[in-house]
Amino acid sequence: PARTWMGGRVVAGGAWSLFGCTMAPGFTYGDYEHGD
């Protein structure tokens, strides 16, 4: 959901994960808020 802090990583014991992300309206770098 909008305004939810999100962060992720491959689960313990895994090697890699291929995934995708979709947004509407579309992503722009001005929308990105980096966590502190």
PDB file of all heavy atoms in Angstrom:
ATOM      1  N   PRO A   1       0.812  -1.220   0.000  1.00  0.00           N
ATOM      2  CA  PRO A   1       0.000   0.000   0.000  1.00  0.00           C
ATOM      3  C   PRO A   1       0.850   1.276   0.000  1.00  0.00           C
ATOM      4  O   PRO A   1       1.975   1.306   0.513  1.00  0.00           O
ATOM      5  CB  PRO A   1      -0.802  -0.098   1.305  1.00  0.00           C
ATOM      6  CG  PRO A   1      -0.756  -1.543   1.684  1.00  0.00           C
ATOM      7  CD  PRO A   1       0.560  -2.053   1.171  1.00  0.00           C
ATOM      8  N   ALA A   2       0.276   2.320  -0.569  1.00  0.00           N
ATOM      9  CA  ALA A   2       0.921   3.636  -0.603  1.00  0.00           C
ATOM     10  C   ALA A   2       1.376   4.043   0.793  1.00  0.00           C
ATOM     11  O   ALA A   2       0.733   3.724   1.787  1.00  0.00           O
ATOM     12  CB  ALA A   2      -0.069   4.678  -1.148  1.00  0.00           C
ATOM     13  N   ARG A   3       2.525   4.725   0.874  1.00  0.00           N
ATOM     14  CA  ARG A   3       3.092   5.284   2.106  1.00  0.00           C
ATOM     15  C   ARG A   3       3.567   4.226   3.100  1.00  0.00           C
ATOM     16  O   ARG A   3       3.834   4.535   4.253  1.00  0.00           O
ATOM     17  CB  ARG A   3       2.120   6.251   2.788  1.00  0.00           C
ATOM     18  CG  ARG A   3       1.543   7.343   1.893  1.00  0.00           C
ATOM     19  CD  ARG A   3       2.531   8.323   1.308  1.00  0.00           C
ATOM     20  NE  ARG A   3       3.270   9.031   2.340  1.00  0.00           N
ATOM     21  CZ  ARG A   3       4.478   9.559   2.169  1.00  0.00           C
ATOM     22  NH1 ARG A   3       5.089   9.463   1.011  1.00  0.00           N
ATOM     23  NH2 ARG A   3       5.078  10.188   3.139  1.00  0.00           N
ATOM     24  N   THR A   4       3.681   2.971   2.659  1.00  0.00           N
ATOM     25  CA  THR A   4       4.214   1.893   3.500  1.00  0.00           C
ATOM     26  C   THR A   4       5.707   1.787   3.252  1.00  0.00           C
ATOM     27  O   THR A   4       6.150   1.735   2.104  1.00  0.00           O
ATOM     28  CB  THR A   4       3.526   0.553   3.159  1.00  0.00           C
ATOM     29  OG1 THR A   4       2.136   0.657   3.437  1.00  0.00           O
ATOM     30  CG2 THR A   4       4.129  -0.599   3.947  1.00  0.00           C
ATOM     31  N   TRP A   5       6.497   1.763   4.323  1.00  0.00           N
ATOM     32  CA  TRP A   5       7.934   1.540   4.181  1.00  0.00           C
ATOM     33  C   TRP A   5       8.125   0.087   3.773  1.00  0.00           C
ATOM     34  O   TRP A   5       7.522  -0.810   4.355  1.00  0.00           O
ATOM     35  CB  TRP A   5       8.662   1.814   5.499  1.00  0.00           C
ATOM     36  CG  TRP A   5       8.662   3.261   5.866  1.00  0.00           C
ATOM     37  CD1 TRP A   5       7.850   3.882   6.774  1.00  0.00           C
ATOM     38  CD2 TRP A   5       9.498   4.280   5.319  1.00  0.00           C
ATOM     39  NE1 TRP A   5       8.136   5.229   6.826  1.00  0.00           N
ATOM     40  CE2 TRP A   5       9.141   5.499   5.940  1.00  0.00           C
ATOM     41  CE3 TRP A   5      10.505   4.289   4.353  1.00  0.00           C
ATOM     42  CZ2 TRP A   5       9.765   6.698   5.643  1.00  0.00           C
ATOM     43  CZ3 TRP A   5      11.133   5.492   4.058  1.00  0.00           C
ATOM     44  CH2 TRP A   5      10.766   6.674   4.699  1.00  0.00           C
ATOM     45  N   MET A   6       8.974  -0.152   2.765  1.00  0.00           N
ATOM     46  CA  MET A   6       9.228  -1.510   2.279  1.00  0.00           C
ATOM     47  C   MET A   6      10.708  -1.696   2.030  1.00  0.00           C
ATOM     48  O   MET A   6      11.401  -0.782   1.600  1.00  0.00           O
ATOM     49  CB  MET A   6       8.435  -1.771   1.000  1.00  0.00           C
ATOM     50  CG  MET A   6       8.828  -0.869  -0.164  1.00  0.00           C
ATOM     51  SD  MET A   6       7.775  -1.057  -1.615  1.00  0.00           S
ATOM     52  CE  MET A   6       7.024   0.571  -1.656  1.00  0.00           C
ATOM     53  N   GLY A   7      11.176  -2.877   2.353  1.00  0.00           N
ATOM     54  CA  GLY A   7      12.551  -3.256   2.079  1.00  0.00           C
ATOM     55  C   GLY A   7      12.600  -4.758   1.999  1.00  0.00           C
ATOM     56  O   GLY A   7      11.813  -5.441   2.658  1.00  0.00           O
ATOM     57  N   GLY A   8      13.495  -5.303   1.188  1.00  0.00           N
ATOM     58  CA  GLY A   8      13.499  -6.745   1.026  1.00  0.00           C
ATOM     59  C   GLY A   8      14.847  -7.327   0.702  1.00  0.00           C
ATOM     60  O   GLY A   8      15.769  -6.625   0.291  1.00  0.00           O
ATOM     61  N   ARG A   9      14.906  -8.644   0.901  1.00  0.00           N
ATOM     62  CA  ARG A   9      16.113  -9.393   0.547  1.00  0.00           C
ATOM     63  C   ARG A   9      15.736 -10.838   0.277  1.00  0.00           C
ATOM     64  O   ARG A   9      14.666 -11.297   0.679  1.00  0.00           O
ATOM     65  CB  ARG A   9      17.171  -9.283   1.625  1.00  0.00           C
ATOM     66  CG  ARG A   9      16.839  -9.901   2.954  1.00  0.00           C
ATOM     67  CD  ARG A   9      18.008  -9.906   3.965  1.00  0.00           C
ATOM     68  NE  ARG A   9      19.166  -9.198   3.549  1.00  0.00           N
ATOM     69  CZ  ARG A   9      19.664  -8.104   4.145  1.00  0.00           C
ATOM     70  NH1 ARG A   9      19.080  -7.611   5.212  1.00  0.00           N
ATOM     71  NH2 ARG A   9      20.757  -7.519   3.690  1.00  0.00           N
ATOM     72  N   VAL A  10      16.642 -11.538  -0.376  1.00  0.00           N
ATOM     73  CA  VAL A  10      16.467 -12.967  -0.629  1.00  0.00           C
ATOM     74  C   VAL A  10      16.437 -13.687   0.720  1.00  0.00           C
ATOM     75  O   VAL A  10      17.205 -13.338   1.629  1.00  0.00           O
ATOM     76  CB  VAL A  10      17.620 -13.502  -1.513  1.00  0.00           C
ATOM     77  CG1 VAL A  10      17.516 -14.999  -1.710  1.00  0.00           C
ATOM     78  CG2 VAL A  10      17.640 -12.776  -2.852  1.00  0.00           C
ATOM     79  N   VAL A  11      15.540 -14.676   0.868  1.00  0.00           N
ATOM     80  CA  VAL A  11      15.436 -15.389   2.144  1.00  0.00           C
ATOM     81  C   VAL A  11      16.749 -16.091   2.481  1.00  0.00           C
ATOM     82  O   VAL A  11      17.529 -16.435   1.591  1.00  0.00           O
ATOM     83  CB  VAL A  11      14.277 -16.418   2.146  1.00  0.00           C
ATOM     84  CG1 VAL A  11      12.926 -15.746   1.987  1.00  0.00           C
ATOM     85  CG2 VAL A  11      14.485 -17.491   1.114  1.00  0.00           C
ATOM     86  N   ALA A  12      16.975 -16.292   3.767  1.00  0.00           N
ATOM     87  CA  ALA A  12      18.180 -16.980   4.239  1.00  0.00           C
ATOM     88  C   ALA A  12      18.291 -18.336   3.553  1.00  0.00           C
ATOM     89  O   ALA A  12      17.311 -19.074   3.461  1.00  0.00           O
ATOM     90  CB  ALA A  12      18.136 -17.144   5.750  1.00  0.00           C
ATOM     91  N   GLY A  13      19.481 -18.642   3.060  1.00  0.00           N
ATOM     92  CA  GLY A  13      19.724 -19.905   2.379  1.00  0.00           C
ATOM     93  C   GLY A  13      19.479 -19.845   0.882  1.00  0.00           C
ATOM     94  O   GLY A  13      19.840 -20.764   0.155  1.00  0.00           O
ATOM     95  N   GLY A  14      18.864 -18.760   0.409  1.00  0.00           N
ATOM     96  CA  GLY A  14      18.609 -18.607  -1.020  1.00  0.00           C
ATOM     97  C   GLY A  14      19.803 -17.991  -1.724  1.00  0.00           C
ATOM     98  O   GLY A  14      20.741 -17.512  -1.089  1.00  0.00           O
ATOM     99  N   ALA A  15      19.762 -17.979  -3.062  1.00  0.00           N
ATOM    100  CA  ALA A  15      20.863 -17.430  -3.851  1.00  0.00           C
ATOM    101  C   ALA A  15      20.469 -16.149  -4.585  1.00  0.00           C
ATOM    102  O   ALA A  15      21.222 -15.187  -4.595  1.00  0.00           O
ATOM    103  CB  ALA A  15      21.358 -18.462  -4.859  1.00  0.00           C
ATOM    104  N   TRP A  16      19.280 -16.141  -5.213  1.00  0.00           N
ATOM    105  CA  TRP A  16      18.837 -14.965  -5.954  1.00  0.00           C
ATOM    106  C   TRP A  16      17.334 -15.034  -6.181  1.00  0.00           C
ATOM    107  O   TRP A  16      16.726 -16.091  -6.104  1.00  0.00           O
ATOM    108  CB  TRP A  16      19.577 -14.807  -7.282  1.00  0.00           C
ATOM    109  CG  TRP A  16      19.477 -15.996  -8.198  1.00  0.00           C
ATOM    110  CD1 TRP A  16      20.362 -17.033  -8.289  1.00  0.00           C
ATOM    111  CD2 TRP A  16      18.427 -16.292  -9.132  1.00  0.00           C
ATOM    112  NE1 TRP A  16      19.933 -17.946  -9.219  1.00  0.00           N
ATOM    113  CE2 TRP A  16      18.744 -17.513  -9.749  1.00  0.00           C
ATOM    114  CE3 TRP A  16      17.255 -15.648  -9.499  1.00  0.00           C
ATOM    115  CZ2 TRP A  16      17.941 -18.093 -10.724  1.00  0.00           C
ATOM    116  CZ3 TRP A  16      16.439 -16.228 -10.470  1.00  0.00           C
ATOM    117  CH2 TRP A  16      16.792 -17.436 -11.072  1.00  0.00           C
ATOM    118  N   SER A  17      16.775 -13.865  -6.486  1.00  0.00           N
ATOM    119  CA  SER A  17      15.348 -13.762  -6.777  1.00  0.00           C
ATOM    120  C   SER A  17      15.146 -12.779  -7.927  1.00  0.00           C
ATOM    121  O   SER A  17      15.677 -11.670  -7.895  1.00  0.00           O
ATOM    122  CB  SER A  17      14.599 -13.272  -5.534  1.00  0.00           C
ATOM    123  OG  SER A  17      13.221 -13.202  -5.775  1.00  0.00           O
ATOM    124  N   LEU A  18      14.379 -13.210  -8.925  1.00  0.00           N
ATOM    125  CA  LEU A  18      13.998 -12.348 -10.040  1.00  0.00           C
ATOM    126  C   LEU A  18      12.532 -11.977  -9.838  1.00  0.00           C
ATOM    127  O   LEU A  18      11.683 -12.849  -9.657  1.00  0.00           O
ATOM    128  CB  LEU A  18      14.176 -13.076 -11.376  1.00  0.00           C
ATOM    129  CG  LEU A  18      13.837 -12.252 -12.623  1.00  0.00           C
ATOM    130  CD1 LEU A  18      14.892 -11.163 -12.857  1.00  0.00           C
ATOM    131  CD2 LEU A  18      13.722 -13.160 -13.847  1.00  0.00           C
ATOM    132  N   PHE A  19      12.264 -10.675  -9.851  1.00  0.00           N
ATOM    133  CA  PHE A  19      10.908 -10.198  -9.569  1.00  0.00           C
ATOM    134  C   PHE A  19      10.645  -8.942 -10.395  1.00  0.00           C
ATOM    135  O   PHE A  19      11.524  -8.429 -11.081  1.00  0.00           O
ATOM    136  CB  PHE A  19      10.741  -9.907  -8.069  1.00  0.00           C
ATOM    137  CG  PHE A  19      11.684  -8.870  -7.537  1.00  0.00           C
ATOM    138  CD1 PHE A  19      11.286  -7.555  -7.396  1.00  0.00           C
ATOM    139  CD2 PHE A  19      12.988  -9.209  -7.175  1.00  0.00           C
ATOM    140  CE1 PHE A  19      12.162  -6.592  -6.911  1.00  0.00           C
ATOM    141  CE2 PHE A  19      13.870  -8.251  -6.696  1.00  0.00           C
ATOM    142  CZ  PHE A  19      13.459  -6.939  -6.559  1.00  0.00           C
ATOM    143  N   GLY A  20       9.438  -8.459 -10.313  1.00  0.00           N
ATOM    144  CA  GLY A  20       9.082  -7.237 -11.011  1.00  0.00           C
ATOM    145  C   GLY A  20       8.245  -6.352 -10.123  1.00  0.00           C
ATOM    146  O   GLY A  20       7.687  -6.801  -9.119  1.00  0.00           O
ATOM    147  N   CYS A  21       8.144  -5.082 -10.485  1.00  0.00           N
ATOM    148  CA  CYS A  21       7.301  -4.123  -9.777  1.00  0.00           C
ATOM    149  C   CYS A  21       6.555  -3.293 -10.812  1.00  0.00           C
ATOM    150  O   CYS A  21       7.125  -2.903 -11.826  1.00  0.00           O
ATOM    151  CB  CYS A  21       8.126  -3.197  -8.886  1.00  0.00           C
ATOM    152  SG  CYS A  21       8.914  -4.041  -7.509  1.00  0.00           S
ATOM    153  N   THR A  22       5.275  -3.041 -10.513  1.00  0.00           N
ATOM    154  CA  THR A  22       4.417  -2.265 -11.389  1.00  0.00           C
ATOM    155  C   THR A  22       3.755  -1.163 -10.572  1.00  0.00           C
ATOM    156  O   THR A  22       3.352  -1.408  -9.431  1.00  0.00           O
ATOM    157  CB  THR A  22       3.324  -3.159 -12.017  1.00  0.00           C
ATOM    158  OG1 THR A  22       3.945  -4.280 -12.629  1.00  0.00           O
ATOM    159  CG2 THR A  22       2.501  -2.403 -13.032  1.00  0.00           C
ATOM    160  N   MET A  23       3.647   0.019 -11.160  1.00  0.00           N
ATOM    161  CA  MET A  23       2.989   1.148 -10.490  1.00  0.00           C
ATOM    162  C   MET A  23       2.115   1.906 -11.481  1.00  0.00           C
ATOM    163  O   MET A  23       2.463   2.018 -12.652  1.00  0.00           O
ATOM    164  CB  MET A  23       4.016   2.121  -9.911  1.00  0.00           C
ATOM    165  CG  MET A  23       4.756   1.626  -8.707  1.00  0.00           C
ATOM    166  SD  MET A  23       5.934   2.847  -8.082  1.00  0.00           S
ATOM    167  CE  MET A  23       4.849   4.145  -7.543  1.00  0.00           C
ATOM    168  N   ALA A  24       0.995   2.422 -10.976  1.00  0.00           N
ATOM    169  CA  ALA A  24       0.135   3.310 -11.761  1.00  0.00           C
ATOM    170  C   ALA A  24      -0.439   4.358 -10.809  1.00  0.00           C
ATOM    171  O   ALA A  24      -1.061   3.980  -9.822  1.00  0.00           O
ATOM    172  CB  ALA A  24      -0.987   2.528 -12.431  1.00  0.00           C
ATOM    173  N   PRO A  25      -0.229   5.656 -11.021  1.00  0.00           N
ATOM    174  CA  PRO A  25       0.634   6.215 -12.050  1.00  0.00           C
ATOM    175  C   PRO A  25       2.069   5.724 -11.869  1.00  0.00           C
ATOM    176  O   PRO A  25       2.435   5.196 -10.830  1.00  0.00           O
ATOM    177  CB  PRO A  25       0.522   7.718 -11.854  1.00  0.00           C
ATOM    178  CG  PRO A  25      -0.170   7.953 -10.568  1.00  0.00           C
ATOM    179  CD  PRO A  25      -0.800   6.676 -10.160  1.00  0.00           C
ATOM    180  N   GLY A  26       2.845   5.928 -12.902  1.00  0.00           N
ATOM    181  CA  GLY A  26       4.190   5.374 -12.947  1.00  0.00           C
ATOM    182  C   GLY A  26       5.179   5.983 -11.977  1.00  0.00           C
ATOM    183  O   GLY A  26       4.993   7.088 -11.469  1.00  0.00           O
ATOM    184  N   PHE A  27       6.259   5.233 -11.752  1.00  0.00           N
ATOM    185  CA  PHE A  27       7.331   5.640 -10.847  1.00  0.00           C
ATOM    186  C   PHE A  27       8.147   6.778 -11.456  1.00  0.00           C
ATOM    187  O   PHE A  27       8.451   6.779 -12.641  1.00  0.00           O
ATOM    188  CB  PHE A  27       8.263   4.447 -10.580  1.00  0.00           C
ATOM    189  CG  PHE A  27       9.463   4.808  -9.757  1.00  0.00           C
ATOM    190  CD1 PHE A  27       9.376   4.856  -8.372  1.00  0.00           C
ATOM    191  CD2 PHE A  27      10.666   5.121 -10.358  1.00  0.00           C
ATOM    192  CE1 PHE A  27      10.483   5.204  -7.603  1.00  0.00           C
ATOM    193  CE2 PHE A  27      11.778   5.464  -9.600  1.00  0.00           C
ATOM    194  CZ  PHE A  27      11.675   5.512  -8.230  1.00  0.00           C
ATOM    195  N   THR A  28       8.514   7.730 -10.602  1.00  0.00           N
ATOM    196  CA  THR A  28       9.536   8.724 -10.923  1.00  0.00           C
ATOM    197  C   THR A  28      10.456   8.812  -9.702  1.00  0.00           C
ATOM    198  O   THR A  28      10.034   8.541  -8.576  1.00  0.00           O
ATOM    199  CB  THR A  28       8.951  10.124 -11.212  1.00  0.00           C
ATOM    200  OG1 THR A  28       8.314  10.609 -10.035  1.00  0.00           O
ATOM    201  CG2 THR A  28       7.974  10.095 -12.387  1.00  0.00           C
ATOM    202  N   TYR A  29      11.701   9.174  -9.923  1.00  0.00           N
ATOM    203  CA  TYR A  29      12.644   9.243  -8.809  1.00  0.00           C
ATOM    204  C   TYR A  29      12.233  10.290  -7.781  1.00  0.00           C
ATOM    205  O   TYR A  29      12.568  10.176  -6.611  1.00  0.00           O
ATOM    206  CB  TYR A  29      14.071   9.468  -9.309  1.00  0.00           C
ATOM    207  CG  TYR A  29      14.640   8.218  -9.941  1.00  0.00           C
ATOM    208  CD1 TYR A  29      14.705   8.070 -11.320  1.00  0.00           C
ATOM    209  CD2 TYR A  29      15.063   7.158  -9.148  1.00  0.00           C
ATOM    210  CE1 TYR A  29      15.193   6.906 -11.895  1.00  0.00           C
ATOM    211  CE2 TYR A  29      15.553   5.984  -9.717  1.00  0.00           C
ATOM    212  CZ  TYR A  29      15.617   5.864 -11.092  1.00  0.00           C
ATOM    213  OH  TYR A  29      16.084   4.706 -11.651  1.00  0.00           O
ATOM    214  N   GLY A  30      11.475  11.285  -8.177  1.00  0.00           N
ATOM    215  CA  GLY A  30      10.996  12.288  -7.233  1.00  0.00           C
ATOM    216  C   GLY A  30      10.023  11.725  -6.209  1.00  0.00           C
ATOM    217  O   GLY A  30       9.814  12.314  -5.148  1.00  0.00           O
ATOM    218  N   ASP A  31       9.419  10.576  -6.512  1.00  0.00           N
ATOM    219  CA  ASP A  31       8.478   9.934  -5.588  1.00  0.00           C
ATOM    220  C   ASP A  31       9.178   9.092  -4.522  1.00  0.00           C
ATOM    221  O   ASP A  31       8.586   8.748  -3.507  1.00  0.00           O
ATOM    222  CB  ASP A  31       7.524   9.011  -6.351  1.00  0.00           C
ATOM    223  CG  ASP A  31       6.520   9.769  -7.179  1.00  0.00           C
ATOM    224  OD1 ASP A  31       6.221  10.935  -6.839  1.00  0.00           O
ATOM    225  OD2 ASP A  31       6.028   9.183  -8.164  1.00  0.00           O
ATOM    226  N   TYR A  32      10.429   8.713  -4.761  1.00  0.00           N
ATOM    227  CA  TYR A  32      11.157   7.794  -3.884  1.00  0.00           C
ATOM    228  C   TYR A  32      11.573   8.506  -2.598  1.00  0.00           C
ATOM    229  O   TYR A  32      12.208   9.556  -2.637  1.00  0.00           O
ATOM    230  CB  TYR A  32      12.395   7.285  -4.632  1.00  0.00           C
ATOM    231  CG  TYR A  32      13.290   6.379  -3.822  1.00  0.00           C
ATOM    232  CD1 TYR A  32      13.082   5.014  -3.811  1.00  0.00           C
ATOM    233  CD2 TYR A  32      14.360   6.894  -3.093  1.00  0.00           C
ATOM    234  CE1 TYR A  32      13.918   4.171  -3.091  1.00  0.00           C
ATOM    235  CE2 TYR A  32      15.192   6.058  -2.362  1.00  0.00           C
ATOM    236  CZ  TYR A  32      14.962   4.704  -2.367  1.00  0.00           C
ATOM    237  OH  TYR A  32      15.788   3.880  -1.650  1.00  0.00           O
ATOM    238  N   GLU A  33      11.212   7.912  -1.453  1.00  0.00           N
ATOM    239  CA  GLU A  33      11.638   8.439  -0.151  1.00  0.00           C
ATOM    240  C   GLU A  33      12.484   7.371   0.522  1.00  0.00           C
ATOM    241  O   GLU A  33      12.008   6.282   0.841  1.00  0.00           O
ATOM    242  CB  GLU A  33      10.426   8.792   0.714  1.00  0.00           C
ATOM    243  CG  GLU A  33      10.803   9.444   2.024  1.00  0.00           C
ATOM    244  CD  GLU A  33       9.599   9.857   2.857  1.00  0.00           C
ATOM    245  OE1 GLU A  33       8.448   9.751   2.380  1.00  0.00           O
ATOM    246  OE2 GLU A  33       9.823  10.290   4.000  1.00  0.00           O
ATOM    247  N   HIS A  34      13.748   7.678   0.738  1.00  0.00           N
ATOM    248  CA  HIS A  34      14.720   6.739   1.302  1.00  0.00           C
ATOM    249  C   HIS A  34      14.565   6.662   2.819  1.00  0.00           C
ATOM    250  O   HIS A  34      14.425   7.687   3.485  1.00  0.00           O
ATOM    251  CB  HIS A  34      16.121   7.207   0.916  1.00  0.00           C
ATOM    252  CG  HIS A  34      17.185   6.190   1.088  1.00  0.00           C
ATOM    253  ND1 HIS A  34      17.299   5.095   0.266  1.00  0.00           N
ATOM    254  CD2 HIS A  34      18.197   6.104   1.989  1.00  0.00           C
ATOM    255  CE1 HIS A  34      18.353   4.372   0.651  1.00  0.00           C
ATOM    256  NE2 HIS A  34      18.910   4.960   1.691  1.00  0.00           N
ATOM    257  N   GLY A  35      14.584   5.454   3.374  1.00  0.00           N
ATOM    258  CA  GLY A  35      14.430   5.265   4.811  1.00  0.00           C
ATOM    259  C   GLY A  35      15.668   5.647   5.606  1.00  0.00           C
ATOM    260  O   GLY A  35      16.790   5.423   5.174  1.00  0.00           O
ATOM    261  N   ASP A  36      15.445   6.194   6.776  1.00  0.00           N
ATOM    262  CA  ASP A  36      16.515   6.557   7.707  1.00  0.00           C
ATOM    263  C   ASP A  36      16.434   5.610   8.907  1.00  0.00           C
ATOM    264  O   ASP A  36      15.392   5.530   9.576  1.00  0.00           O
ATOM    265  CB  ASP A  36      16.337   8.008   8.158  1.00  0.00           C
ATOM    266  CG  ASP A  36      17.381   8.404   9.176  1.00  0.00           C
ATOM    267  OD1 ASP A  36      18.523   8.675   8.777  1.00  0.00           O
ATOM    268  OD2 ASP A  36      17.046   8.409  10.387  1.00  0.00           O
TER     269      ASP A  36
END
